[in-house]
C-alpha atoms as a PDB file:
ATOM      1  CA  MET A   1     105.118 103.208 111.087  1.00  0.00           C
ATOM      2  CA  LYS A   2     102.823 105.092 108.420  1.00  0.00           C
ATOM      3  CA  THR A   3      99.852 103.264 107.835  1.00  0.00           C
ATOM      4  CA  THR A   4      96.733 103.206 105.222  1.00  0.00           C
ATOM      5  CA  THR A   5      93.332 103.942 106.645  1.00  0.00           C
ATOM      6  CA  TYR A   6      92.384 100.553 105.398  1.00  0.00           C
ATOM      7  CA  PHE A   7      95.256  98.665 107.111  1.00  0.00           C
ATOM      8  CA  LYS A   8      94.013 100.630 110.279  1.00  0.00           C
ATOM      9  CA  ILE A   9      90.520  99.664 109.755  1.00  0.00           C
ATOM     10  CA  SER A  10      90.589  96.314 107.842  1.00  0.00           C
ATOM     11  CA  VAL A  11      93.596  94.821 108.279  1.00  0.00           C
ATOM     12  CA  LEU A  12      93.942  95.147 111.871  1.00  0.00           C
ATOM     13  CA  ALA A  13      90.558  94.300 112.801  1.00  0.00           C
ATOM     14  CA  ARG A  14      91.157  91.146 111.086  1.00  0.00           C
ATOM     15  CA  TRP A  15      94.566  89.851 112.252  1.00  0.00           C
ATOM     16  CA  PRO A  16      94.756  91.779 115.386  1.00  0.00           C
ATOM     17  CA  TYR A  17      97.893  89.649 116.463  1.00  0.00           C
ATOM     18  CA  LEU A  18      99.778  91.233 114.119  1.00  0.00           C
ATOM     19  CA  LYS A  19     102.906  92.881 115.776  1.00  0.00           C
ATOM     20  CA  GLU A  20     104.748  96.368 114.403  1.00  0.00           C
ATOM     21  CA  GLU A  21     107.874  95.005 115.112  1.00  0.00           C
ATOM     22  CA  TRP A  22     107.333  92.008 112.955  1.00  0.00           C
ATOM     23  CA  ILE A  23     106.030  94.446 109.751  1.00  0.00           C
ATOM     24  CA  GLU A  24     109.183  96.710 110.659  1.00  0.00           C
ATOM     25  CA  HIS A  25     111.560  93.325 110.393  1.00  0.00           C
ATOM     26  CA  VAL A  26     110.303  92.580 107.233  1.00  0.00           C
ATOM     27  CA  LEU A  27     110.634  95.845 105.587  1.00  0.00           C
ATOM     28  CA  ARG A  28     113.875  96.152 106.647  1.00  0.00           C
ATOM     29  CA  HIS A  29     114.968  92.343 106.184  1.00  0.00           C
ATOM     30  CA  PRO A  30     113.010  91.118 103.310  1.00  0.00           C
ATOM     31  CA  VAL A  31     113.621  87.775 101.545  1.00  0.00           C
ATOM     32  CA  ARG A  32     111.854  88.519  98.667  1.00  0.00           C
ATOM     33  CA  THR A  33     110.130  91.720  96.959  1.00  0.00           C
ATOM     34  CA  GLU A  34     107.839  92.636  94.188  1.00  0.00           C
ATOM     35  CA  VAL A  35     106.231  95.479  92.760  1.00  0.00           C
ATOM     36  CA  GLN A  36     102.423  95.096  91.729  1.00  0.00           C
ATOM     37  CA  PRO A  37     100.995  96.476  88.502  1.00  0.00           C
ATOM     38  CA  ASN A  38      99.454  99.290  90.400  1.00  0.00           C
ATOM     39  CA  GLY A  39     103.007 100.392  91.741  1.00  0.00           C
ATOM     40  CA  ARG A  40     102.199  98.816  95.620  1.00  0.00           C
ATOM     41  CA  ILE A  41     105.393  96.924  96.605  1.00  0.00           C
ATOM     42  CA  ARG A  42     104.991  93.138  98.364  1.00  0.00           C
ATOM     43  CA  TYR A  43     108.005  91.987 100.900  1.00  0.00           C
ATOM     44  CA  TRP A  44     107.936  89.116 102.310  1.00  0.00           C
ATOM     45  CA  GLY A  45     110.153  88.160 105.291  1.00  0.00           C
ATOM     46  CA  TYR A  46     110.210  85.188 107.808  1.00  0.00           C
ATOM     47  CA  ILE A  47     108.721  85.662 111.479  1.00  0.00           C
ATOM     48  CA  ALA A  48     110.545  82.906 113.580  1.00  0.00           C
ATOM     49  CA  GLU A  49     108.096  83.450 116.415  1.00  0.00           C
ATOM     50  CA  ALA A  50     105.374  82.745 114.381  1.00  0.00           C
ATOM     51  CA  GLY A  51     107.260  80.135 112.485  1.00  0.00           C
ATOM     52  CA  LYS A  52     105.708  81.666 108.938  1.00  0.00           C
ATOM     53  CA  TYR A  53     106.370  83.757 106.230  1.00  0.00           C
ATOM     54  CA  LEU A  54     104.818  87.241 106.679  1.00  0.00           C
ATOM     55  CA  ARG A  55     103.675  89.374 103.227  1.00  0.00           C
ATOM     56  CA  VAL A  56     103.486  93.399 103.825  1.00  0.00           C
ATOM     57  CA  VAL A  57     102.563  95.470 100.952  1.00  0.00           C
ATOM     58  CA  THR A  58     103.045  98.948 100.811  1.00  0.00           C
ATOM     59  CA  GLU A  59     102.105 102.155  99.014  1.00  0.00           C
ATOM     60  CA  PRO A  60     104.535 102.749  96.077  1.00  0.00           C
ATOM     61  CA  ASP A  61     106.345 104.752  98.470  1.00  0.00           C
ATOM     62  CA  GLY A  62     107.874 101.309 100.256  1.00  0.00           C
ATOM     63  CA  GLU A  63     107.009 103.050 103.545  1.00  0.00           C
ATOM     64  CA  THR A  64     103.296 103.079 104.149  1.00  0.00           C
ATOM     65  CA  VAL A  65     101.655  99.988 105.038  1.00  0.00           C
ATOM     66  CA  HIS A  66      98.868  99.105 103.026  1.00  0.00           C
ATOM     67  CA  ASN A  67      98.277  94.958 103.979  1.00  0.00           C
ATOM     68  CA  ALA A  68      99.956  92.632 105.967  1.00  0.00           C
ATOM     69  CA  PHE A  69      99.279  88.627 106.544  1.00  0.00           C
ATOM     70  CA  PHE A  70     100.993  85.462 106.853  1.00  0.00           C
ATOM     71  CA  ASP A  71     101.065  84.267 103.545  1.00  0.00           C
ATOM     72  CA  ARG A  72     100.783  80.162 103.483  1.00  0.00           C
ATOM     73  CA  GLY A  73     101.522  79.591  99.759  1.00  0.00           C
ATOM     74  CA  PHE A  74     104.615  81.578 100.050  1.00  0.00           C
ATOM     75  CA  GLN A  75     107.877  79.389  99.640  1.00  0.00           C
ATOM     76  CA  PRO A  76     111.395  80.746  99.186  1.00  0.00           C
ATOM     77  CA  GLN A  77     113.254  80.203  96.460  1.00  0.00           C
ATOM     78  CA  GLY A  78     114.853  76.915  96.157  1.00  0.00           C
ATOM     79  CA  GLU A  79     112.000  75.203  98.689  1.00  0.00           C
ATOM     80  CA  ARG A  80     109.071  73.249  97.593  1.00  0.00           C
END
């Protein structure tokens, strides 16, 4: 898995419990994607093991992971 320096230094320091397989799952099977104005891509996916939705942000290449965190405010379409 390709990552930015920011991910290696900052994100993993804040969320050391993040698993590479969770991130890869979200990138392969997102329930929603969104392109940010800066070109980075947001992916959301459900992590059954954690019972939460994980947001993964990649660089514009769609492969290099820049950020990842559990998104407490995310609601899949149709749910409230």
